């Protein structure tokens, strides 16, 4: 479970701040699946404009690609 601000009604999601590592781990782009990951340095960004939360991909614990 990820923390969120009490008044934040946005759908809870984030992007990896180290997206190059994430791309290497979860490539190719066309693939889809589910993964259990360990994240580090989760950062909540909240503004009256479109922003997203950030987290660093630390470790992939489990990855199952949909076939």
C-alpha atoms as a PDB file:
ATOM      1  CA  UNK A   1       0.000   0.000   0.000  1.00  0.00           C
ATOM      2  CA  UNK A   2       1.262   3.450  -0.895  1.00  0.00           C
ATOM      3  CA  UNK A   3       0.739   6.528   1.249  1.00  0.00           C
ATOM      4  CA  UNK A   4      -1.338   9.404  -0.060  1.00  0.00           C
ATOM      5  CA  UNK A   5      -2.538  12.754   1.185  1.00  0.00           C
ATOM      6  CA  UNK A   6      -5.868  12.614   3.006  1.00  0.00           C
ATOM      7  CA  UNK A   7      -7.513  15.124   0.655  1.00  0.00           C
ATOM      8  CA  UNK A   8      -5.959  13.688  -2.541  1.00  0.00           C
ATOM      9  CA  UNK A   9      -8.743  12.068  -4.594  1.00  0.00           C
ATOM     10  CA  UNK A  10      -6.583  11.206  -7.602  1.00  0.00           C
ATOM     11  CA  UNK A  11      -6.136   7.606  -8.736  1.00  0.00           C
ATOM     12  CA  UNK A  12      -3.011   6.355  -6.947  1.00  0.00           C
ATOM     13  CA  UNK A  13      -0.149   5.782  -9.374  1.00  0.00           C
ATOM     14  CA  UNK A  14       3.476   6.748  -9.882  1.00  0.00           C
ATOM     15  CA  UNK A  15       6.244   6.698 -12.459  1.00  0.00           C
ATOM     16  CA  UNK A  16       9.741   5.374 -11.938  1.00  0.00           C
ATOM     17  CA  UNK A  17      12.286   8.143 -11.465  1.00  0.00           C
ATOM     18  CA  UNK A  18      14.937   5.801 -12.875  1.00  0.00           C
ATOM     19  CA  UNK A  19      12.923   4.903 -15.953  1.00  0.00           C
ATOM     20  CA  UNK A  20      15.953   3.702 -17.918  1.00  0.00           C
ATOM     21  CA  UNK A  21      16.414   0.859 -15.416  1.00  0.00           C
ATOM     22  CA  UNK A  22      12.677   0.103 -15.520  1.00  0.00           C
ATOM     23  CA  UNK A  23      12.743   0.014 -19.335  1.00  0.00           C
ATOM     24  CA  UNK A  24      15.658  -2.430 -19.268  1.00  0.00           C
ATOM     25  CA  UNK A  25      13.883  -4.712 -16.792  1.00  0.00           C
ATOM     26  CA  UNK A  26      10.405  -4.592 -18.301  1.00  0.00           C
ATOM     27  CA  UNK A  27      11.235  -4.317 -22.028  1.00  0.00           C
ATOM     28  CA  UNK A  28       9.991  -4.722 -24.727  1.00  0.00           C
ATOM     29  CA  UNK A  29       7.426  -1.931 -24.730  1.00  0.00           C
ATOM     30  CA  UNK A  30       4.741  -4.137 -26.261  1.00  0.00           C
ATOM     31  CA  UNK A  31       4.835  -6.586 -23.371  1.00  0.00           C
ATOM     32  CA  UNK A  32       2.276  -6.483 -20.576  1.00  0.00           C
ATOM     33  CA  UNK A  33       2.137  -8.231 -17.259  1.00  0.00           C
ATOM     34  CA  UNK A  34       2.177  -7.816 -13.526  1.00  0.00           C
ATOM     35  CA  UNK A  35       5.146  -7.322 -11.249  1.00  0.00           C
ATOM     36  CA  UNK A  36       5.808  -7.118  -7.566  1.00  0.00           C
ATOM     37  CA  UNK A  37       8.567  -4.600  -6.982  1.00  0.00           C
ATOM     38  CA  UNK A  38      10.435  -2.986  -4.138  1.00  0.00           C
ATOM     39  CA  UNK A  39      10.482   0.785  -4.560  1.00  0.00           C
ATOM     40  CA  UNK A  40      12.666   3.369  -2.882  1.00  0.00           C
ATOM     41  CA  UNK A  41      12.370   7.099  -2.339  1.00  0.00           C
ATOM     42  CA  UNK A  42       8.618   7.387  -2.911  1.00  0.00           C
ATOM     43  CA  UNK A  43       7.732  11.049  -3.431  1.00  0.00           C
ATOM     44  CA  UNK A  44       4.223  12.477  -3.333  1.00  0.00           C
ATOM     45  CA  UNK A  45       3.735  15.378  -5.740  1.00  0.00           C
ATOM     46  CA  UNK A  46       0.510  17.310  -5.371  1.00  0.00           C
ATOM     47  CA  UNK A  47      -0.495  20.446  -7.240  1.00  0.00           C
ATOM     48  CA  UNK A  48      -3.537  21.981  -8.884  1.00  0.00           C
ATOM     49  CA  UNK A  49      -2.129  20.842 -12.199  1.00  0.00           C
ATOM     50  CA  UNK A  50      -1.359  17.421 -13.630  1.00  0.00           C
ATOM     51  CA  UNK A  51       1.633  15.973 -11.802  1.00  0.00           C
ATOM     52  CA  UNK A  52       2.587  12.435 -10.820  1.00  0.00           C
ATOM     53  CA  UNK A  53       4.177  10.751  -7.868  1.00  0.00           C
ATOM     54  CA  UNK A  54       7.697   9.334  -8.224  1.00  0.00           C
ATOM     55  CA  UNK A  55       9.436   6.239  -6.907  1.00  0.00           C
ATOM     56  CA  UNK A  56      12.779   4.648  -7.677  1.00  0.00           C
ATOM     57  CA  UNK A  57      12.702   1.042  -8.890  1.00  0.00           C
ATOM     58  CA  UNK A  58      14.794  -0.820  -6.373  1.00  0.00           C
ATOM     59  CA  UNK A  59      14.268  -4.511  -7.049  1.00  0.00           C
ATOM     60  CA  UNK A  60      11.929  -6.715  -9.055  1.00  0.00           C
ATOM     61  CA  UNK A  61      10.644  -9.376  -6.673  1.00  0.00           C
ATOM     62  CA  UNK A  62       8.362 -11.153  -9.142  1.00  0.00           C
ATOM     63  CA  UNK A  63       7.431 -10.572 -12.792  1.00  0.00           C
ATOM     64  CA  UNK A  64       4.815 -12.484 -14.782  1.00  0.00           C
ATOM     65  CA  UNK A  65       4.363 -11.510 -18.396  1.00  0.00           C
ATOM     66  CA  UNK A  66       0.857 -11.908 -19.846  1.00  0.00           C
ATOM     67  CA  UNK A  67       0.769 -14.253 -22.815  1.00  0.00           C
END
